[in-house]
Amino acid sequence: GQDAEIEESADVQGRQAESQAQIYQINLEHADKIKDNAVKRYQALKRKPHTEAQARKNMMIYLKMLLDSR
């Protein structure tokens, strides 16, 4: 009867919450990877000697990459 339906509905909702959590976790891992790449690229850029204009441009690129990776 009705009890079984309520239980089933709770089960479905629980599974949906789980898959949402998994998707969220995957997104976090993906963001971390992108951020790692951005940081690595930024550090590589920092190692090379630059004019101040180039350094400023690189900083803007780095900040843009960080914002995009959110």
C-alpha atoms as a PDB file:
ATOM      1  CA  GLY A   1       0.000   0.000   0.000  1.00  0.00           C
ATOM      2  CA  GLN A   2       0.947   3.547   0.726  1.00  0.00           C
ATOM      3  CA  ASP A   3       3.867   2.744   3.049  1.00  0.00           C
ATOM      4  CA  ALA A   4       5.681   0.917   0.268  1.00  0.00           C
ATOM      5  CA  GLU A   5       5.189   3.879  -2.075  1.00  0.00           C
ATOM      6  CA  ILE A   6       6.573   6.307   0.503  1.00  0.00           C
ATOM      7  CA  GLU A   7       9.598   4.081   1.086  1.00  0.00           C
ATOM      8  CA  GLU A   8      10.233   3.772  -2.637  1.00  0.00           C
ATOM      9  CA  SER A   9      10.004   7.522  -3.108  1.00  0.00           C
ATOM     10  CA  ALA A  10      12.479   8.072  -0.248  1.00  0.00           C
ATOM     11  CA  ASP A  11      14.813   5.529  -1.856  1.00  0.00           C
ATOM     12  CA  VAL A  12      14.676   7.303  -5.215  1.00  0.00           C
ATOM     13  CA  GLN A  13      15.366  10.656  -3.558  1.00  0.00           C
ATOM     14  CA  GLY A  14      18.291   9.157  -1.667  1.00  0.00           C
ATOM     15  CA  ARG A  15      19.787   7.829  -4.888  1.00  0.00           C
ATOM     16  CA  GLN A  16      19.329  11.189  -6.599  1.00  0.00           C
ATOM     17  CA  ALA A  17      21.125  12.903  -3.730  1.00  0.00           C
ATOM     18  CA  GLU A  18      23.970  10.387  -4.026  1.00  0.00           C
ATOM     19  CA  SER A  19      24.404  10.938  -7.738  1.00  0.00           C
ATOM     20  CA  GLN A  20      24.305  14.721  -7.205  1.00  0.00           C
ATOM     21  CA  ALA A  21      27.072  14.314  -4.632  1.00  0.00           C
ATOM     22  CA  GLN A  22      29.110  12.244  -7.085  1.00  0.00           C
ATOM     23  CA  ILE A  23      28.676  14.835  -9.829  1.00  0.00           C
ATOM     24  CA  TYR A  24      29.717  17.548  -7.369  1.00  0.00           C
ATOM     25  CA  GLN A  25      32.805  15.528  -6.386  1.00  0.00           C
ATOM     26  CA  ILE A  26      33.773  15.045 -10.043  1.00  0.00           C
ATOM     27  CA  ASN A  27      33.388  18.791 -10.641  1.00  0.00           C
ATOM     28  CA  LEU A  28      35.630  19.551  -7.666  1.00  0.00           C
ATOM     29  CA  GLU A  29      38.311  17.156  -8.904  1.00  0.00           C
ATOM     30  CA  HIS A  30      38.079  18.655 -12.383  1.00  0.00           C
ATOM     31  CA  ALA A  31      38.416  22.195 -10.976  1.00  0.00           C
ATOM     32  CA  ASP A  32      41.485  21.099  -8.991  1.00  0.00           C
ATOM     33  CA  LYS A  33      43.103  19.682 -12.138  1.00  0.00           C
ATOM     34  CA  ILE A  34      42.436  22.869 -14.078  1.00  0.00           C
ATOM     35  CA  LYS A  35      43.767  24.948 -11.208  1.00  0.00           C
ATOM     36  CA  ASP A  36      46.907  22.786 -11.035  1.00  0.00           C
ATOM     37  CA  ASN A  37      47.462  23.376 -14.747  1.00  0.00           C
ATOM     38  CA  ALA A  38      46.927  27.107 -14.335  1.00  0.00           C
ATOM     39  CA  VAL A  39      49.377  27.224 -11.430  1.00  0.00           C
ATOM     40  CA  LYS A  40      51.966  25.154 -13.325  1.00  0.00           C
ATOM     41  CA  ARG A  41      51.637  27.383 -16.370  1.00  0.00           C
ATOM     42  CA  TYR A  42      51.912  30.482 -14.215  1.00  0.00           C
ATOM     43  CA  GLN A  43      55.035  29.141 -12.492  1.00  0.00           C
ATOM     44  CA  ALA A  44      56.555  28.284 -15.870  1.00  0.00           C
ATOM     45  CA  LEU A  45      55.825  31.820 -17.032  1.00  0.00           C
ATOM     46  CA  LYS A  46      57.387  33.259 -13.869  1.00  0.00           C
ATOM     47  CA  ARG A  47      60.652  31.374 -14.427  1.00  0.00           C
ATOM     48  CA  LYS A  48      61.310  33.116 -17.719  1.00  0.00           C
ATOM     49  CA  PRO A  49      62.720  36.637 -17.543  1.00  0.00           C
ATOM     50  CA  HIS A  50      60.186  39.206 -18.758  1.00  0.00           C
ATOM     51  CA  THR A  51      59.653  42.856 -19.271  1.00  0.00           C
ATOM     52  CA  GLU A  52      57.213  44.351 -16.798  1.00  0.00           C
ATOM     53  CA  ALA A  53      54.513  44.547 -19.484  1.00  0.00           C
ATOM     54  CA  GLN A  54      54.869  40.831 -20.251  1.00  0.00           C
ATOM     55  CA  ALA A  55      54.799  39.972 -16.560  1.00  0.00           C
ATOM     56  CA  ARG A  56      51.616  42.008 -16.108  1.00  0.00           C
ATOM     57  CA  LYS A  57      50.036  40.320 -19.131  1.00  0.00           C
ATOM     58  CA  ASN A  58      50.941  36.886 -17.717  1.00  0.00           C
ATOM     59  CA  MET A  59      49.397  37.786 -14.385  1.00  0.00           C
ATOM     60  CA  MET A  60      46.146  38.750 -16.148  1.00  0.00           C
ATOM     61  CA  ILE A  61      46.175  35.431 -18.057  1.00  0.00           C
ATOM     62  CA  TYR A  62      46.772  33.558 -14.805  1.00  0.00           C
ATOM     63  CA  LEU A  63      43.936  35.332 -12.976  1.00  0.00           C
ATOM     64  CA  LYS A  64      41.583  34.778 -15.912  1.00  0.00           C
ATOM     65  CA  MET A  65      42.438  31.050 -15.941  1.00  0.00           C
ATOM     66  CA  LEU A  66      41.767  30.834 -12.205  1.00  0.00           C
ATOM     67  CA  LEU A  67      38.400  32.556 -12.547  1.00  0.00           C
ATOM     68  CA  ASP A  68      37.450  30.386 -15.531  1.00  0.00           C
ATOM     69  CA  SER A  69      38.335  27.219 -13.644  1.00  0.00           C
ATOM     70  CA  ARG A  70      35.758  27.859 -10.880  1.00  0.00           C
END
